[in-house]
Amino acid sequence: MLDTALSWLSANREAIVFSVGGAVLALTAWTCGLITRTVIDTIAKEDCDC
């Protein structure tokens, strides 16, 4: 069982690295977008006398 899992991991190493890299990139982009929206909302609320 362990040999099968290790052989599958070694055979699909590039696909796994690509998938994990894509997930990290997507999470980073989402986080940057959230921070940007928060900053813009904060600045907009400071400038507005609502």
N, C-alpha and C. Protein backbone atom coordinates (compact mmCIF):
# COMPACT_ATOMS: atom_id res chain seq x y z
N MET A 1 0.83 -1.20 0.00
CA MET A 1 0.00 0.00 0.00
C MET A 1 0.88 1.26 0.00
N LEU A 2 1.88 1.26 0.88
CA LEU A 2 2.77 2.42 0.96
C LEU A 2 3.60 2.55 -0.31
N ASP A 3 4.03 1.42 -0.86
CA ASP A 3 4.80 1.46 -2.10
C ASP A 3 3.96 2.02 -3.24
N THR A 4 2.69 1.66 -3.28
CA THR A 4 1.80 2.17 -4.32
C THR A 4 1.62 3.67 -4.18
N ALA A 5 1.43 4.14 -2.96
CA ALA A 5 1.26 5.57 -2.73
C ALA A 5 2.53 6.34 -3.09
N LEU A 6 3.68 5.81 -2.70
CA LEU A 6 4.94 6.49 -3.01
C LEU A 6 5.21 6.52 -4.51
N SER A 7 4.90 5.43 -5.20
CA SER A 7 5.11 5.42 -6.65
C SER A 7 4.15 6.39 -7.34
N TRP A 8 2.92 6.49 -6.84
CA TRP A 8 1.97 7.44 -7.42
C TRP A 8 2.44 8.87 -7.19
N LEU A 9 2.93 9.16 -5.98
CA LEU A 9 3.43 10.50 -5.68
C LEU A 9 4.63 10.85 -6.55
N SER A 10 5.54 9.93 -6.73
CA SER A 10 6.72 10.22 -7.53
C SER A 10 6.35 10.36 -9.01
N ALA A 11 5.35 9.61 -9.47
CA ALA A 11 4.94 9.70 -10.87
C ALA A 11 4.19 11.00 -11.14
N ASN A 12 3.48 11.52 -10.14
CA ASN A 12 2.65 12.71 -10.33
C ASN A 12 3.21 13.93 -9.62
N ARG A 13 4.50 13.93 -9.35
CA ARG A 13 5.11 15.02 -8.58
C ARG A 13 4.90 16.38 -9.24
N GLU A 14 5.11 16.46 -10.54
CA GLU A 14 4.97 17.75 -11.24
C GLU A 14 3.54 18.26 -11.19
N ALA A 15 2.57 17.38 -11.35
CA ALA A 15 1.17 17.79 -11.30
C ALA A 15 0.79 18.25 -9.90
N ILE A 16 1.31 17.57 -8.89
CA ILE A 16 1.01 17.95 -7.51
C ILE A 16 1.61 19.31 -7.20
N VAL A 17 2.88 19.50 -7.59
CA VAL A 17 3.54 20.79 -7.34
C VAL A 17 2.81 21.91 -8.08
N PHE A 18 2.40 21.65 -9.32
CA PHE A 18 1.66 22.65 -10.10
C PHE A 18 0.34 22.99 -9.43
N SER A 19 -0.38 21.99 -8.94
CA SER A 19 -1.67 22.22 -8.29
C SER A 19 -1.51 22.99 -6.99
N VAL A 20 -0.52 22.61 -6.19
CA VAL A 20 -0.29 23.31 -4.93
C VAL A 20 0.15 24.75 -5.20
N GLY A 21 1.01 24.93 -6.20
CA GLY A 21 1.44 26.29 -6.57
C GLY A 21 0.28 27.14 -7.03
N GLY A 22 -0.61 26.56 -7.80
CA GLY A 22 -1.79 27.29 -8.25
C GLY A 22 -2.71 27.66 -7.10
N ALA A 23 -2.87 26.74 -6.15
CA ALA A 23 -3.71 27.02 -4.99
C ALA A 23 -3.10 28.13 -4.13
N VAL A 24 -1.79 28.12 -3.96
CA VAL A 24 -1.12 29.17 -3.18
C VAL A 24 -1.26 30.51 -3.88
N LEU A 25 -1.10 30.51 -5.20
CA LEU A 25 -1.24 31.75 -5.97
C LEU A 25 -2.67 32.30 -5.87
N ALA A 26 -3.65 31.42 -5.98
CA ALA A 26 -5.05 31.85 -5.87
C ALA A 26 -5.35 32.40 -4.48
N LEU A 27 -4.85 31.74 -3.44
CA LEU A 27 -5.07 32.21 -2.08
C LEU A 27 -4.39 33.56 -1.85
N THR A 28 -3.20 33.74 -2.40
CA THR A 28 -2.49 35.00 -2.28
C THR A 28 -3.26 36.12 -2.98
N ALA A 29 -3.75 35.84 -4.18
CA ALA A 29 -4.51 36.84 -4.93
C ALA A 29 -5.79 37.20 -4.19
N TRP A 30 -6.47 36.22 -3.62
CA TRP A 30 -7.70 36.48 -2.88
C TRP A 30 -7.41 37.34 -1.66
N THR A 31 -6.33 37.02 -0.95
CA THR A 31 -5.97 37.78 0.25
C THR A 31 -5.61 39.21 -0.11
N CYS A 32 -4.85 39.40 -1.18
CA CYS A 32 -4.51 40.76 -1.61
C CYS A 32 -5.77 41.54 -2.00
N GLY A 33 -6.70 40.89 -2.66
CA GLY A 33 -7.95 41.54 -3.02
C GLY A 33 -8.76 41.92 -1.80
N LEU A 34 -8.79 41.05 -0.81
CA LEU A 34 -9.52 41.36 0.43
C LEU A 34 -8.89 42.55 1.15
N ILE A 35 -7.57 42.56 1.23
CA ILE A 35 -6.87 43.68 1.88
C ILE A 35 -7.13 44.97 1.12
N THR A 36 -7.06 44.91 -0.21
CA THR A 36 -7.29 46.10 -1.02
C THR A 36 -8.70 46.63 -0.83
N ARG A 37 -9.70 45.75 -0.85
CA ARG A 37 -11.08 46.18 -0.64
C ARG A 37 -11.27 46.79 0.74
N THR A 38 -10.65 46.20 1.74
CA THR A 38 -10.77 46.72 3.10
C THR A 38 -10.16 48.11 3.21
N VAL A 39 -8.99 48.29 2.61
CA VAL A 39 -8.33 49.60 2.64
C VAL A 39 -9.16 50.64 1.90
N ILE A 40 -9.69 50.27 0.74
CA ILE A 40 -10.50 51.22 -0.04
C ILE A 40 -11.77 51.58 0.73
N ASP A 41 -12.41 50.59 1.35
CA ASP A 41 -13.61 50.88 2.14
C ASP A 41 -13.29 51.79 3.32
N THR A 42 -12.16 51.57 3.97
CA THR A 42 -11.76 52.40 5.10
C THR A 42 -11.51 53.83 4.65
N ILE A 43 -10.81 54.00 3.55
CA ILE A 43 -10.53 55.35 3.04
C ILE A 43 -11.82 56.03 2.62
N ALA A 44 -12.72 55.30 1.98
CA ALA A 44 -13.98 55.88 1.54
C ALA A 44 -14.83 56.32 2.73
N LYS A 45 -14.81 55.57 3.80
CA LYS A 45 -15.60 55.93 4.99
C LYS A 45 -14.99 57.15 5.69
N GLU A 46 -13.68 57.30 5.64
CA GLU A 46 -13.04 58.46 6.28
C GLU A 46 -13.34 59.73 5.51
N ASP A 47 -13.45 59.64 4.18
CA ASP A 47 -13.71 60.82 3.36
C ASP A 47 -15.18 61.20 3.32
N CYS A 48 -16.03 60.29 3.67
CA CYS A 48 -17.47 60.53 3.57
C CYS A 48 -18.03 60.98 4.92
N ASP A 49 -18.98 61.90 4.88
CA ASP A 49 -19.64 62.36 6.09
C ASP A 49 -21.03 61.71 6.21
N CYS A 50 -21.09 60.44 5.92
CA CYS A 50 -22.37 59.74 5.94
C CYS A 50 -22.81 59.45 7.36
